C-alpha atoms as a PDB file:
ATOM      1  CA  UNK A   1       0.061  -0.064  -0.100  1.00  0.00           C
ATOM      2  CA  UNK A   2       1.535   3.302  -1.012  1.00  0.00           C
ATOM      3  CA  UNK A   3       0.585   6.807  -0.285  1.00  0.00           C
ATOM      4  CA  UNK A   4       1.708  10.182   1.017  1.00  0.00           C
ATOM      5  CA  UNK A   5       3.246  10.090   4.521  1.00  0.00           C
ATOM      6  CA  UNK A   6      -0.164  11.009   6.070  1.00  0.00           C
ATOM      7  CA  UNK A   7      -3.649   9.551   6.523  1.00  0.00           C
ATOM      8  CA  UNK A   8      -5.559  10.775   3.671  1.00  0.00           C
ATOM      9  CA  UNK A   9      -7.610   8.676   1.251  1.00  0.00           C
ATOM     10  CA  UNK A  10      -5.480   5.654   2.216  1.00  0.00           C
ATOM     11  CA  UNK A  11      -6.490   5.318   5.893  1.00  0.00           C
ATOM     12  CA  UNK A  12      -9.819   3.426   5.155  1.00  0.00           C
ATOM     13  CA  UNK A  13      -7.862   1.046   3.196  1.00  0.00           C
ATOM     14  CA  UNK A  14      -5.169   0.500   6.136  1.00  0.00           C
ATOM     15  CA  UNK A  15      -7.944   0.020   8.555  1.00  0.00           C
ATOM     16  CA  UNK A  16      -9.724  -2.480   5.905  1.00  0.00           C
ATOM     17  CA  UNK A  17      -6.378  -4.339   5.754  1.00  0.00           C
ATOM     18  CA  UNK A  18      -6.062  -4.665   9.518  1.00  0.00           C
ATOM     19  CA  UNK A  19      -9.795  -5.714   9.842  1.00  0.00           C
ATOM     20  CA  UNK A  20      -9.159  -8.376   7.331  1.00  0.00           C
ATOM     21  CA  UNK A  21      -6.311  -9.728   9.224  1.00  0.00           C
ATOM     22  CA  UNK A  22      -3.917  -9.003   6.306  1.00  0.00           C
ATOM     23  CA  UNK A  23      -0.066  -8.113   6.719  1.00  0.00           C
ATOM     24  CA  UNK A  24       0.893  -5.252   4.238  1.00  0.00           C
ATOM     25  CA  UNK A  25       3.971  -3.135   3.578  1.00  0.00           C
ATOM     26  CA  UNK A  26       2.820   0.449   4.321  1.00  0.00           C
ATOM     27  CA  UNK A  27       4.773   2.625   1.889  1.00  0.00           C
ATOM     28  CA  UNK A  28       4.917   6.171   2.601  1.00  0.00           C
ATOM     29  CA  UNK A  29       6.037   8.914  -0.256  1.00  0.00           C
ATOM     30  CA  UNK A  30       7.744  11.986   1.060  1.00  0.00           C
ATOM     31  CA  UNK A  31       7.323  14.631  -1.644  1.00  0.00           C
ATOM     32  CA  UNK A  32      10.985  16.045  -0.524  1.00  0.00           C
ATOM     33  CA  UNK A  33       9.399  19.407   0.896  1.00  0.00           C
ATOM     34  CA  UNK A  34       7.378  19.798  -1.787  1.00  0.00           C
ATOM     35  CA  UNK A  35       3.654  20.978  -0.725  1.00  0.00           C
ATOM     36  CA  UNK A  36       1.429  17.957  -0.725  1.00  0.00           C
ATOM     37  CA  UNK A  37      -1.498  19.885  -2.117  1.00  0.00           C
ATOM     38  CA  UNK A  38       0.324  20.238  -5.374  1.00  0.00           C
ATOM     39  CA  UNK A  39      -0.452  17.356  -8.067  1.00  0.00           C
ATOM     40  CA  UNK A  40       2.270  14.563  -8.485  1.00  0.00           C
ATOM     41  CA  UNK A  41       3.780  14.405 -11.667  1.00  0.00           C
ATOM     42  CA  UNK A  42       4.916  11.002 -12.629  1.00  0.00           C
ATOM     43  CA  UNK A  43       7.949  10.774 -15.218  1.00  0.00           C
ATOM     44  CA  UNK A  44       6.921   9.137 -18.434  1.00  0.00           C
ATOM     45  CA  UNK A  45       7.333   5.357 -18.501  1.00  0.00           C
ATOM     46  CA  UNK A  46       6.429   4.969 -14.931  1.00  0.00           C
ATOM     47  CA  UNK A  47       2.599   4.929 -15.232  1.00  0.00           C
ATOM     48  CA  UNK A  48       2.541   1.150 -14.554  1.00  0.00           C
ATOM     49  CA  UNK A  49       3.925   1.969 -11.109  1.00  0.00           C
ATOM     50  CA  UNK A  50       1.253   4.700 -10.639  1.00  0.00           C
ATOM     51  CA  UNK A  51      -1.624   4.072 -12.902  1.00  0.00           C
ATOM     52  CA  UNK A  52      -3.539   7.090 -13.671  1.00  0.00           C
ATOM     53  CA  UNK A  53      -0.933   9.112 -11.983  1.00  0.00           C
ATOM     54  CA  UNK A  54      -2.853   8.610  -8.559  1.00  0.00           C
ATOM     55  CA  UNK A  55      -2.258   7.574  -5.089  1.00  0.00           C
ATOM     56  CA  UNK A  56      -3.135   5.448  -3.072  1.00  0.00           C
ATOM     57  CA  UNK A  57      -2.034   2.305  -4.738  1.00  0.00           C
ATOM     58  CA  UNK A  58      -2.201  -1.364  -3.564  1.00  0.00           C
ATOM     59  CA  UNK A  59      -0.268  -3.976  -4.940  1.00  0.00           C
ATOM     60  CA  UNK A  60      -1.989  -7.358  -5.361  1.00  0.00           C
ATOM     61  CA  UNK A  61      -0.246 -10.393  -6.753  1.00  0.00           C
ATOM     62  CA  UNK A  62       2.440  -8.006  -8.822  1.00  0.00           C
ATOM     63  CA  UNK A  63      -0.194  -5.798 -10.138  1.00  0.00           C
ATOM     64  CA  UNK A  64      -0.885  -2.154  -9.222  1.00  0.00           C
ATOM     65  CA  UNK A  65      -4.155  -0.704  -8.418  1.00  0.00           C
ATOM     66  CA  UNK A  66      -5.393   2.752  -7.680  1.00  0.00           C
ATOM     67  CA  UNK A  67      -8.568   4.506  -6.533  1.00  0.00           C
ATOM     68  CA  UNK A  68      -9.508   4.423  -3.024  1.00  0.00           C
ATOM     69  CA  UNK A  69     -13.168   3.515  -3.428  1.00  0.00           C
ATOM     70  CA  UNK A  70     -12.264   0.692  -6.011  1.00  0.00           C
ATOM     71  CA  UNK A  71      -9.764  -0.676  -3.809  1.00  0.00           C
ATOM     72  CA  UNK A  72     -12.071  -0.541  -0.667  1.00  0.00           C
ATOM     73  CA  UNK A  73     -14.930  -2.502  -2.616  1.00  0.00           C
ATOM     74  CA  UNK A  74     -12.514  -5.241  -3.724  1.00  0.00           C
ATOM     75  CA  UNK A  75     -11.437  -5.593   0.066  1.00  0.00           C
ATOM     76  CA  UNK A  76     -14.989  -5.390   1.230  1.00  0.00           C
ATOM     77  CA  UNK A  77     -15.747  -8.249  -1.398  1.00  0.00           C
ATOM     78  CA  UNK A  78     -12.643 -10.034  -0.473  1.00  0.00           C
ATOM     79  CA  UNK A  79     -13.387  -9.654   3.363  1.00  0.00           C
ATOM     80  CA  UNK A  80     -17.040 -10.074   3.060  1.00  0.00           C
ATOM     81  CA  UNK A  81     -17.917  -6.590   4.521  1.00  0.00           C
ATOM     82  CA  UNK A  82     -20.549  -5.950   2.214  1.00  0.00           C
ATOM     83  CA  UNK A  83     -23.341  -7.493   4.250  1.00  0.00           C
ATOM     84  CA  UNK A  84     -25.502 -10.428   3.534  1.00  0.00           C
ATOM     85  CA  UNK A  85     -27.891  -8.728   0.721  1.00  0.00           C
ATOM     86  CA  UNK A  86     -27.697  -6.278  -2.038  1.00  0.00           C
ATOM     87  CA  UNK A  87     -29.589  -3.906   0.257  1.00  0.00           C
ATOM     88  CA  UNK A  88     -27.053  -4.337   2.817  1.00  0.00           C
ATOM     89  CA  UNK A  89     -24.469  -3.458   0.180  1.00  0.00           C
ATOM     90  CA  UNK A  90     -26.498  -0.439  -0.709  1.00  0.00           C
ATOM     91  CA  UNK A  91     -26.530   0.885   2.876  1.00  0.00           C
ATOM     92  CA  UNK A  92     -22.993   0.614   3.328  1.00  0.00           C
ATOM     93  CA  UNK A  93     -21.886   2.296  -0.170  1.00  0.00           C
ATOM     94  CA  UNK A  94     -24.365   5.019   0.711  1.00  0.00           C
ATOM     95  CA  UNK A  95     -22.502   5.954   3.659  1.00  0.00           C
ATOM     96  CA  UNK A  96     -19.363   5.511   1.599  1.00  0.00           C
ATOM     97  CA  UNK A  97     -20.455   7.965  -0.844  1.00  0.00           C
ATOM     98  CA  UNK A  98     -21.542  10.783   1.914  1.00  0.00           C
ATOM     99  CA  UNK A  99     -18.070  10.300   3.713  1.00  0.00           C
ATOM    100  CA  UNK A 100     -16.385  10.834   0.274  1.00  0.00           C
ATOM    101  CA  UNK A 101     -18.249  13.983  -0.279  1.00  0.00           C
ATOM    102  CA  UNK A 102     -17.230  15.358   2.817  1.00  0.00           C
ATOM    103  CA  UNK A 103     -13.581  14.146   2.178  1.00  0.00           C
ATOM    104  CA  UNK A 104     -13.372  15.995  -1.169  1.00  0.00           C
ATOM    105  CA  UNK A 105     -14.642  19.129   0.309  1.00  0.00           C
ATOM    106  CA  UNK A 106     -11.880  19.127   2.468  1.00  0.00           C
ATOM    107  CA  UNK A 107      -9.355  18.107  -0.249  1.00  0.00           C
ATOM    108  CA  UNK A 108     -10.667  21.281  -2.200  1.00  0.00           C
ATOM    109  CA  UNK A 109      -9.878  23.503   0.718  1.00  0.00           C
ATOM    110  CA  UNK A 110      -6.444  22.237   1.141  1.00  0.00           C
ATOM    111  CA  UNK A 111      -5.808  22.516  -2.432  1.00  0.00           C
ATOM    112  CA  UNK A 112      -6.959  25.821  -2.606  1.00  0.00           C
ATOM    113  CA  UNK A 113      -3.685  27.905  -3.097  1.00  0.00           C
ATOM    114  CA  UNK A 114      -5.251  31.481  -2.471  1.00  0.00           C
ATOM    115  CA  UNK A 115      -5.161  31.913   1.448  1.00  0.00           C
ATOM    116  CA  UNK A 116      -8.266  33.979   1.611  1.00  0.00           C
ATOM    117  CA  UNK A 117     -10.306  31.543  -0.533  1.00  0.00           C
ATOM    118  CA  UNK A 118      -8.763  28.679   1.738  1.00  0.00           C
ATOM    119  CA  UNK A 119      -9.835  30.267   4.742  1.00  0.00           C
ATOM    120  CA  UNK A 120     -13.412  31.009   3.518  1.00  0.00           C
ATOM    121  CA  UNK A 121     -13.848  27.276   2.541  1.00  0.00           C
ATOM    122  CA  UNK A 122     -12.242  26.220   5.921  1.00  0.00           C
ATOM    123  CA  UNK A 123     -14.942  28.428   7.492  1.00  0.00           C
ATOM    124  CA  UNK A 124     -17.766  27.020   5.581  1.00  0.00           C
ATOM    125  CA  UNK A 125     -16.468  23.520   6.265  1.00  0.00           C
ATOM    126  CA  UNK A 126     -16.428  24.028  10.041  1.00  0.00           C
ATOM    127  CA  UNK A 127     -19.624  26.233  10.363  1.00  0.00           C
ATOM    128  CA  UNK A 128     -22.023  24.527   7.590  1.00  0.00           C
ATOM    129  CA  UNK A 129     -20.577  21.521   5.789  1.00  0.00           C
ATOM    130  CA  UNK A 130     -19.170  19.480   8.677  1.00  0.00           C
ATOM    131  CA  UNK A 131     -21.872  20.200  11.010  1.00  0.00           C
ATOM    132  CA  UNK A 132     -24.590  19.175   8.378  1.00  0.00           C
ATOM    133  CA  UNK A 133     -22.854  15.879   7.515  1.00  0.00           C
ATOM    134  CA  UNK A 134     -22.443  14.998  11.009  1.00  0.00           C
ATOM    135  CA  UNK A 135     -26.118  15.836  11.730  1.00  0.00           C
ATOM    136  CA  UNK A 136     -27.066  13.806   8.770  1.00  0.00           C
ATOM    137  CA  UNK A 137     -24.768  10.708   9.827  1.00  0.00           C
ATOM    138  CA  UNK A 138     -26.406  11.018  13.348  1.00  0.00           C
ATOM    139  CA  UNK A 139     -29.761  10.869  12.159  1.00  0.00           C
ATOM    140  CA  UNK A 140     -28.883   7.971   9.739  1.00  0.00           C
ATOM    141  CA  UNK A 141     -27.099   5.895  12.445  1.00  0.00           C
ATOM    142  CA  UNK A 142     -30.182   6.530  15.260  1.00  0.00           C
ATOM    143  CA  UNK A 143     -32.465   5.114  12.255  1.00  0.00           C
ATOM    144  CA  UNK A 144     -30.611   2.444  10.647  1.00  0.00           C
ATOM    145  CA  UNK A 145     -32.645  -0.843   9.886  1.00  0.00           C
ATOM    146  CA  UNK A 146     -30.105  -3.085  11.617  1.00  0.00           C
ATOM    147  CA  UNK A 147     -29.881  -3.835  15.150  1.00  0.00           C
ATOM    148  CA  UNK A 148     -26.397  -3.959  16.642  1.00  0.00           C
ATOM    149  CA  UNK A 149     -23.110  -1.564  17.236  1.00  0.00           C
ATOM    150  CA  UNK A 150     -22.246  -1.444  13.463  1.00  0.00           C
ATOM    151  CA  UNK A 151     -23.956  -0.239  10.299  1.00  0.00           C
ATOM    152  CA  UNK A 152     -25.110  -3.536   9.343  1.00  0.00           C
ATOM    153  CA  UNK A 153     -25.926  -4.943  12.950  1.00  0.00           C
ATOM    154  CA  UNK A 154     -23.393  -7.088  14.353  1.00  0.00           C
ATOM    155  CA  UNK A 155     -20.944  -7.361  11.775  1.00  0.00           C
ATOM    156  CA  UNK A 156     -18.135  -4.624  10.759  1.00  0.00           C
ATOM    157  CA  UNK A 157     -19.085  -3.629   7.056  1.00  0.00           C
END
């Protein structure tokens, strides 16, 4: 598993690998002082090591895969984390997409180079976006159709 030297989008992959009981190599990329909000440029010919010029990546049987949600869906299938029914999978995918919406807003804010605009986006995240998302998640969890401590009842999903 390769990603920058922070949690970011790769953290959920790391969690899933732990839940699945998989030992893995956690490779952290250091951009040598380059701000991490700048896009990474891959030298020509290296696309095989970094498909679609994106991190995180996960190597499986010698093949390199990218895209956080694609990797997570693969791991969820591999470790049977989707639930028992198609509707269970829909519930879990719905939560994943909602969390991703919030993560995308954070990433947009962090990548904004203009300090004034970045501060405005941060203020909006703190005062509007995050509280609305947390309230929605809280309501969803309180009204979830499954009993038990997890989204899908008594099993991690």
